[in-house]
């Protein structure tokens, strides 16, 4: 599982980075996404929903973590 660490970055940069990585990933690929910005965390959750990416795990106490599967 690859880790996408976007701590210290503010949206929209993390969204662009994660979207780009997901676009190039094959079906079934799993990623752990880490951010320290709550607004970014919420936006990343929306990005997953829009792109039909499964959220396998979510940690809502900082740092915020999403484990996802394309």
PDB file of N, CA and C in Angstrom:
ATOM      1  N   UNK A   1       0.854  -1.170   0.000  1.00  0.00           N
ATOM      2  CA  UNK A   1       0.000   0.000   0.000  1.00  0.00           C
ATOM      3  C   UNK A   1       0.904   1.238   0.000  1.00  0.00           C
ATOM      4  N   UNK A   2       0.667   2.107  -0.968  1.00  0.00           N
ATOM      5  CA  UNK A   2       1.426   3.348  -1.058  1.00  0.00           C
ATOM      6  C   UNK A   2       0.843   4.387  -0.110  1.00  0.00           C
ATOM      7  N   UNK A   3       1.715   5.213   0.452  1.00  0.00           N
ATOM      8  CA  UNK A   3       1.295   6.299   1.332  1.00  0.00           C
ATOM      9  C   UNK A   3       1.404   7.609   0.563  1.00  0.00           C
ATOM     10  N   UNK A   4       0.329   8.381   0.593  1.00  0.00           N
ATOM     11  CA  UNK A   4       0.322   9.713  -0.007  1.00  0.00           C
ATOM     12  C   UNK A   4       0.247  10.694   1.156  1.00  0.00           C
ATOM     13  N   UNK A   5       1.363  11.306   1.480  1.00  0.00           N
ATOM     14  CA  UNK A   5       1.449  12.202   2.631  1.00  0.00           C
ATOM     15  C   UNK A   5       1.361  13.643   2.147  1.00  0.00           C
ATOM     16  N   UNK A   6       0.251  14.297   2.442  1.00  0.00           N
ATOM     17  CA  UNK A   6       0.055  15.684   2.014  1.00  0.00           C
ATOM     18  C   UNK A   6      -0.009  16.623   3.225  1.00  0.00           C
ATOM     19  N   UNK A   7       0.585  16.192   4.334  1.00  0.00           N
ATOM     20  CA  UNK A   7       0.629  17.062   5.511  1.00  0.00           C
ATOM     21  C   UNK A   7       1.406  18.331   5.184  1.00  0.00           C
ATOM     22  N   UNK A   8       0.932  19.443   5.752  1.00  0.00           N
ATOM     23  CA  UNK A   8       1.592  20.720   5.527  1.00  0.00           C
ATOM     24  C   UNK A   8       1.157  21.422   4.255  1.00  0.00           C
ATOM     25  N   UNK A   9       0.279  20.796   3.489  1.00  0.00           N
ATOM     26  CA  UNK A   9      -0.210  21.387   2.243  1.00  0.00           C
ATOM     27  C   UNK A   9      -1.673  21.784   2.411  1.00  0.00           C
ATOM     28  N   UNK A  10      -2.050  22.857   1.739  1.00  0.00           N
ATOM     29  CA  UNK A  10      -3.436  23.307   1.777  1.00  0.00           C
ATOM     30  C   UNK A  10      -4.093  23.044   0.435  1.00  0.00           C
ATOM     31  N   UNK A  11      -5.397  22.782   0.480  1.00  0.00           N
ATOM     32  CA  UNK A  11      -6.158  22.550  -0.746  1.00  0.00           C
ATOM     33  C   UNK A  11      -6.099  23.790  -1.618  1.00  0.00           C
ATOM     34  N   UNK A  12      -6.047  23.630  -2.927  1.00  0.00           N
ATOM     35  CA  UNK A  12      -6.401  22.427  -3.677  1.00  0.00           C
ATOM     36  C   UNK A  12      -5.225  21.532  -4.048  1.00  0.00           C
ATOM     37  N   UNK A  13      -3.996  21.886  -3.670  1.00  0.00           N
ATOM     38  CA  UNK A  13      -2.838  21.096  -4.091  1.00  0.00           C
ATOM     39  C   UNK A  13      -2.932  19.617  -3.721  1.00  0.00           C
ATOM     40  N   UNK A  14      -3.300  19.258  -2.488  1.00  0.00           N
ATOM     41  CA  UNK A  14      -3.423  17.835  -2.169  1.00  0.00           C
ATOM     42  C   UNK A  14      -4.479  17.121  -3.015  1.00  0.00           C
ATOM     43  N   UNK A  15      -5.581  17.801  -3.307  1.00  0.00           N
ATOM     44  CA  UNK A  15      -6.620  17.186  -4.142  1.00  0.00           C
ATOM     45  C   UNK A  15      -6.081  16.867  -5.524  1.00  0.00           C
ATOM     46  N   UNK A  16      -5.343  17.805  -6.094  1.00  0.00           N
ATOM     47  CA  UNK A  16      -4.769  17.593  -7.427  1.00  0.00           C
ATOM     48  C   UNK A  16      -3.795  16.422  -7.411  1.00  0.00           C
ATOM     49  N   UNK A  17      -2.957  16.372  -6.384  1.00  0.00           N
ATOM     50  CA  UNK A  17      -1.965  15.295  -6.283  1.00  0.00           C
ATOM     51  C   UNK A  17      -2.644  13.932  -6.154  1.00  0.00           C
ATOM     52  N   UNK A  18      -3.611  13.836  -5.244  1.00  0.00           N
ATOM     53  CA  UNK A  18      -4.303  12.562  -5.016  1.00  0.00           C
ATOM     54  C   UNK A  18      -5.095  12.154  -6.253  1.00  0.00           C
ATOM     55  N   UNK A  19      -5.795  13.095  -6.876  1.00  0.00           N
ATOM     56  CA  UNK A  19      -6.575  12.787  -8.080  1.00  0.00           C
ATOM     57  C   UNK A  19      -5.675  12.269  -9.188  1.00  0.00           C
ATOM     58  N   UNK A  20      -4.505  12.871  -9.345  1.00  0.00           N
ATOM     59  CA  UNK A  20      -3.563  12.442 -10.379  1.00  0.00           C
ATOM     60  C   UNK A  20      -3.064  11.022 -10.117  1.00  0.00           C
ATOM     61  N   UNK A  21      -2.729  10.739  -8.872  1.00  0.00           N
ATOM     62  CA  UNK A  21      -2.246   9.396  -8.522  1.00  0.00           C
ATOM     63  C   UNK A  21      -3.347   8.359  -8.729  1.00  0.00           C
ATOM     64  N   UNK A  22      -4.558   8.674  -8.298  1.00  0.00           N
ATOM     65  CA  UNK A  22      -5.674   7.738  -8.467  1.00  0.00           C
ATOM     66  C   UNK A  22      -5.980   7.492  -9.939  1.00  0.00           C
ATOM     67  N   UNK A  23      -5.884   8.536 -10.757  1.00  0.00           N
ATOM     68  CA  UNK A  23      -6.169   8.391 -12.189  1.00  0.00           C
ATOM     69  C   UNK A  23      -5.208   7.410 -12.851  1.00  0.00           C
ATOM     70  N   UNK A  24      -3.972   7.370 -12.378  1.00  0.00           N
ATOM     71  CA  UNK A  24      -2.980   6.481 -12.963  1.00  0.00           C
ATOM     72  C   UNK A  24      -2.911   5.108 -12.324  1.00  0.00           C
ATOM     73  N   UNK A  25      -3.698   4.889 -11.284  1.00  0.00           N
ATOM     74  CA  UNK A  25      -3.654   3.618 -10.553  1.00  0.00           C
ATOM     75  C   UNK A  25      -4.597   2.597 -11.173  1.00  0.00           C
ATOM     76  N   UNK A  26      -4.237   1.342 -11.018  1.00  0.00           N
ATOM     77  CA  UNK A  26      -5.094   0.273 -11.530  1.00  0.00           C
ATOM     78  C   UNK A  26      -6.184  -0.054 -10.508  1.00  0.00           C
ATOM     79  N   UNK A  27      -7.236  -0.693 -10.974  1.00  0.00           N
ATOM     80  CA  UNK A  27      -8.338  -1.102 -10.098  1.00  0.00           C
ATOM     81  C   UNK A  27      -7.795  -2.018  -9.004  1.00  0.00           C
ATOM     82  N   UNK A  28      -8.245  -1.806  -7.788  1.00  0.00           N
ATOM     83  CA  UNK A  28      -7.797  -2.613  -6.660  1.00  0.00           C
ATOM     84  C   UNK A  28      -6.612  -2.029  -5.913  1.00  0.00           C
ATOM     85  N   UNK A  29      -5.990  -0.999  -6.477  1.00  0.00           N
ATOM     86  CA  UNK A  29      -4.851  -0.364  -5.810  1.00  0.00           C
ATOM     87  C   UNK A  29      -5.322   0.300  -4.520  1.00  0.00           C
ATOM     88  N   UNK A  30      -4.502   0.176  -3.470  1.00  0.00           N
ATOM     89  CA  UNK A  30      -4.849   0.766  -2.181  1.00  0.00           C
ATOM     90  C   UNK A  30      -3.840   1.841  -1.802  1.00  0.00           C
ATOM     91  N   UNK A  31      -4.349   2.886  -1.153  1.00  0.00           N
ATOM     92  CA  UNK A  31      -3.516   4.008  -0.746  1.00  0.00           C
ATOM     93  C   UNK A  31      -3.893   4.446   0.658  1.00  0.00           C
ATOM     94  N   UNK A  32      -2.894   4.905   1.378  1.00  0.00           N
ATOM     95  CA  UNK A  32      -3.111   5.542   2.678  1.00  0.00           C
ATOM     96  C   UNK A  32      -2.803   7.020   2.476  1.00  0.00           C
ATOM     97  N   UNK A  33      -3.811   7.864   2.679  1.00  0.00           N
ATOM     98  CA  UNK A  33      -3.670   9.299   2.471  1.00  0.00           C
ATOM     99  C   UNK A  33      -3.659   9.973   3.840  1.00  0.00           C
ATOM    100  N   UNK A  34      -2.644  10.806   4.086  1.00  0.00           N
ATOM    101  CA  UNK A  34      -2.487  11.461   5.380  1.00  0.00           C
ATOM    102  C   UNK A  34      -2.459  12.974   5.182  1.00  0.00           C
ATOM    103  N   UNK A  35      -3.284  13.688   5.944  1.00  0.00           N
ATOM    104  CA  UNK A  35      -3.298  15.148   5.916  1.00  0.00           C
ATOM    105  C   UNK A  35      -3.443  15.672   7.339  1.00  0.00           C
ATOM    106  N   UNK A  36      -3.009  16.908   7.551  1.00  0.00           N
ATOM    107  CA  UNK A  36      -3.192  17.529   8.862  1.00  0.00           C
ATOM    108  C   UNK A  36      -4.181  18.693   8.792  1.00  0.00           C
ATOM    109  N   UNK A  37      -4.859  18.817   7.653  1.00  0.00           N
ATOM    110  CA  UNK A  37      -5.816  19.902   7.427  1.00  0.00           C
ATOM    111  C   UNK A  37      -7.223  19.309   7.338  1.00  0.00           C
ATOM    112  N   UNK A  38      -8.103  19.700   8.265  1.00  0.00           N
ATOM    113  CA  UNK A  38      -9.446  19.118   8.303  1.00  0.00           C
ATOM    114  C   UNK A  38     -10.246  19.421   7.040  1.00  0.00           C
ATOM    115  N   UNK A  39     -10.160  20.649   6.544  1.00  0.00           N
ATOM    116  CA  UNK A  39     -10.894  21.006   5.326  1.00  0.00           C
ATOM    117  C   UNK A  39     -10.426  20.131   4.167  1.00  0.00           C
ATOM    118  N   UNK A  40      -9.137  19.916   4.077  1.00  0.00           N
ATOM    119  CA  UNK A  40      -8.592  19.048   3.028  1.00  0.00           C
ATOM    120  C   UNK A  40      -9.118  17.619   3.199  1.00  0.00           C
ATOM    121  N   UNK A  41      -9.173  17.142   4.433  1.00  0.00           N
ATOM    122  CA  UNK A  41      -9.693  15.805   4.715  1.00  0.00           C
ATOM    123  C   UNK A  41     -11.123  15.659   4.200  1.00  0.00           C
ATOM    124  N   UNK A  42     -11.956  16.653   4.479  1.00  0.00           N
ATOM    125  CA  UNK A  42     -13.349  16.624   4.019  1.00  0.00           C
ATOM    126  C   UNK A  42     -13.408  16.629   2.494  1.00  0.00           C
ATOM    127  N   UNK A  43     -12.586  17.451   1.872  1.00  0.00           N
ATOM    128  CA  UNK A  43     -12.566  17.525   0.409  1.00  0.00           C
ATOM    129  C   UNK A  43     -12.065  16.211  -0.199  1.00  0.00           C
ATOM    130  N   UNK A  44     -11.100  15.577   0.444  1.00  0.00           N
ATOM    131  CA  UNK A  44     -10.607  14.289  -0.041  1.00  0.00           C
ATOM    132  C   UNK A  44     -11.705  13.227   0.046  1.00  0.00           C
ATOM    133  N   UNK A  45     -12.492  13.249   1.106  1.00  0.00           N
ATOM    134  CA  UNK A  45     -13.617  12.307   1.215  1.00  0.00           C
ATOM    135  C   UNK A  45     -14.598  12.524   0.063  1.00  0.00           C
ATOM    136  N   UNK A  46     -14.863  13.780  -0.267  1.00  0.00           N
ATOM    137  CA  UNK A  46     -15.761  14.080  -1.388  1.00  0.00           C
ATOM    138  C   UNK A  46     -15.164  13.595  -2.704  1.00  0.00           C
ATOM    139  N   UNK A  47     -13.866  13.790  -2.873  1.00  0.00           N
ATOM    140  CA  UNK A  47     -13.190  13.327  -4.088  1.00  0.00           C
ATOM    141  C   UNK A  47     -13.349  11.816  -4.241  1.00  0.00           C
ATOM    142  N   UNK A  48     -13.214  11.074  -3.140  1.00  0.00           N
ATOM    143  CA  UNK A  48     -13.369   9.619  -3.193  1.00  0.00           C
ATOM    144  C   UNK A  48     -14.789   9.253  -3.616  1.00  0.00           C
ATOM    145  N   UNK A  49     -15.780   9.935  -3.075  1.00  0.00           N
ATOM    146  CA  UNK A  49     -17.180   9.649  -3.411  1.00  0.00           C
ATOM    147  C   UNK A  49     -17.460   9.937  -4.881  1.00  0.00           C
ATOM    148  N   UNK A  50     -16.969  11.049  -5.374  1.00  0.00           N
ATOM    149  CA  UNK A  50     -17.192  11.435  -6.772  1.00  0.00           C
ATOM    150  C   UNK A  50     -16.577  10.419  -7.726  1.00  0.00           C
ATOM    151  N   UNK A  51     -15.427   9.860  -7.343  1.00  0.00           N
ATOM    152  CA  UNK A  51     -14.702   8.937  -8.220  1.00  0.00           C
ATOM    153  C   UNK A  51     -14.965   7.469  -7.908  1.00  0.00           C
ATOM    154  N   UNK A  52     -15.973   7.191  -7.088  1.00  0.00           N
ATOM    155  CA  UNK A  52     -16.318   5.811  -6.718  1.00  0.00           C
ATOM    156  C   UNK A  52     -15.128   5.034  -6.162  1.00  0.00           C
ATOM    157  N   UNK A  53     -14.340   5.701  -5.344  1.00  0.00           N
ATOM    158  CA  UNK A  53     -13.210   5.069  -4.670  1.00  0.00           C
ATOM    159  C   UNK A  53     -13.685   4.674  -3.272  1.00  0.00           C
ATOM    160  N   UNK A  54     -13.442   3.420  -2.902  1.00  0.00           N
ATOM    161  CA  UNK A  54     -13.897   2.915  -1.602  1.00  0.00           C
ATOM    162  C   UNK A  54     -13.021   3.457  -0.478  1.00  0.00           C
ATOM    163  N   UNK A  55     -13.656   3.933   0.578  1.00  0.00           N
ATOM    164  CA  UNK A  55     -12.930   4.313   1.784  1.00  0.00           C
ATOM    165  C   UNK A  55     -12.970   3.108   2.715  1.00  0.00           C
ATOM    166  N   UNK A  56     -11.817   2.511   2.953  1.00  0.00           N
ATOM    167  CA  UNK A  56     -11.728   1.317   3.785  1.00  0.00           C
ATOM    168  C   UNK A  56     -11.574   1.668   5.258  1.00  0.00           C
ATOM    169  N   UNK A  57     -10.937   2.808   5.516  1.00  0.00           N
ATOM    170  CA  UNK A  57     -10.697   3.234   6.896  1.00  0.00           C
ATOM    171  C   UNK A  57     -10.584   4.748   6.911  1.00  0.00           C
ATOM    172  N   UNK A  58     -11.097   5.370   7.959  1.00  0.00           N
ATOM    173  CA  UNK A  58     -11.002   6.820   8.106  1.00  0.00           C
ATOM    174  C   UNK A  58     -10.713   7.156   9.562  1.00  0.00           C
ATOM    175  N   UNK A  59      -9.688   7.974   9.778  1.00  0.00           N
ATOM    176  CA  UNK A  59      -9.351   8.446  11.120  1.00  0.00           C
ATOM    177  C   UNK A  59      -9.609   9.940  11.150  1.00  0.00           C
ATOM    178  N   UNK A  60     -10.529  10.348  11.992  1.00  0.00           N
ATOM    179  CA  UNK A  60     -10.971  11.738  12.008  1.00  0.00           C
ATOM    180  C   UNK A  60     -10.370  12.555  13.137  1.00  0.00           C
ATOM    181  N   UNK A  61      -9.314  12.057  13.749  1.00  0.00           N
ATOM    182  CA  UNK A  61      -8.570  12.839  14.731  1.00  0.00           C
ATOM    183  C   UNK A  61      -7.167  13.019  14.175  1.00  0.00           C
ATOM    184  N   UNK A  62      -6.704  14.264  14.144  1.00  0.00           N
ATOM    185  CA  UNK A  62      -5.440  14.582  13.477  1.00  0.00           C
ATOM    186  C   UNK A  62      -4.270  13.742  13.926  1.00  0.00           C
ATOM    187  N   UNK A  63      -3.367  13.380  13.005  1.00  0.00           N
ATOM    188  CA  UNK A  63      -3.520  13.648  11.577  1.00  0.00           C
ATOM    189  C   UNK A  63      -4.657  12.810  10.997  1.00  0.00           C
ATOM    190  N   UNK A  64      -5.300  13.357  10.009  1.00  0.00           N
ATOM    191  CA  UNK A  64      -6.450  12.706   9.373  1.00  0.00           C
ATOM    192  C   UNK A  64      -5.943  11.695   8.353  1.00  0.00           C
ATOM    193  N   UNK A  65      -6.530  10.501   8.378  1.00  0.00           N
ATOM    194  CA  UNK A  65      -6.060   9.414   7.520  1.00  0.00           C
ATOM    195  C   UNK A  65      -7.238   8.791   6.785  1.00  0.00           C
ATOM    196  N   UNK A  66      -7.032   8.546   5.506  1.00  0.00           N
ATOM    197  CA  UNK A  66      -7.979   7.772   4.703  1.00  0.00           C
ATOM    198  C   UNK A  66      -7.220   6.602   4.094  1.00  0.00           C
ATOM    199  N   UNK A  67      -7.747   5.409   4.262  1.00  0.00           N
ATOM    200  CA  UNK A  67      -7.232   4.245   3.549  1.00  0.00           C
ATOM    201  C   UNK A  67      -8.279   3.940   2.498  1.00  0.00           C
ATOM    202  N   UNK A  68      -7.852   3.963   1.238  1.00  0.00           N
ATOM    203  CA  UNK A  68      -8.805   3.851   0.133  1.00  0.00           C
ATOM    204  C   UNK A  68      -8.385   2.772  -0.852  1.00  0.00           C
ATOM    205  N   UNK A  69      -9.374   2.316  -1.623  1.00  0.00           N
ATOM    206  CA  UNK A  69      -9.130   1.332  -2.681  1.00  0.00           C
ATOM    207  C   UNK A  69      -9.831   1.797  -3.938  1.00  0.00           C
ATOM    208  N   UNK A  70      -9.069   1.841  -5.015  1.00  0.00           N
ATOM    209  CA  UNK A  70      -9.655   2.276  -6.287  1.00  0.00           C
ATOM    210  C   UNK A  70     -10.490   1.170  -6.871  1.00  0.00           C
TER     211      UNK A  70
END
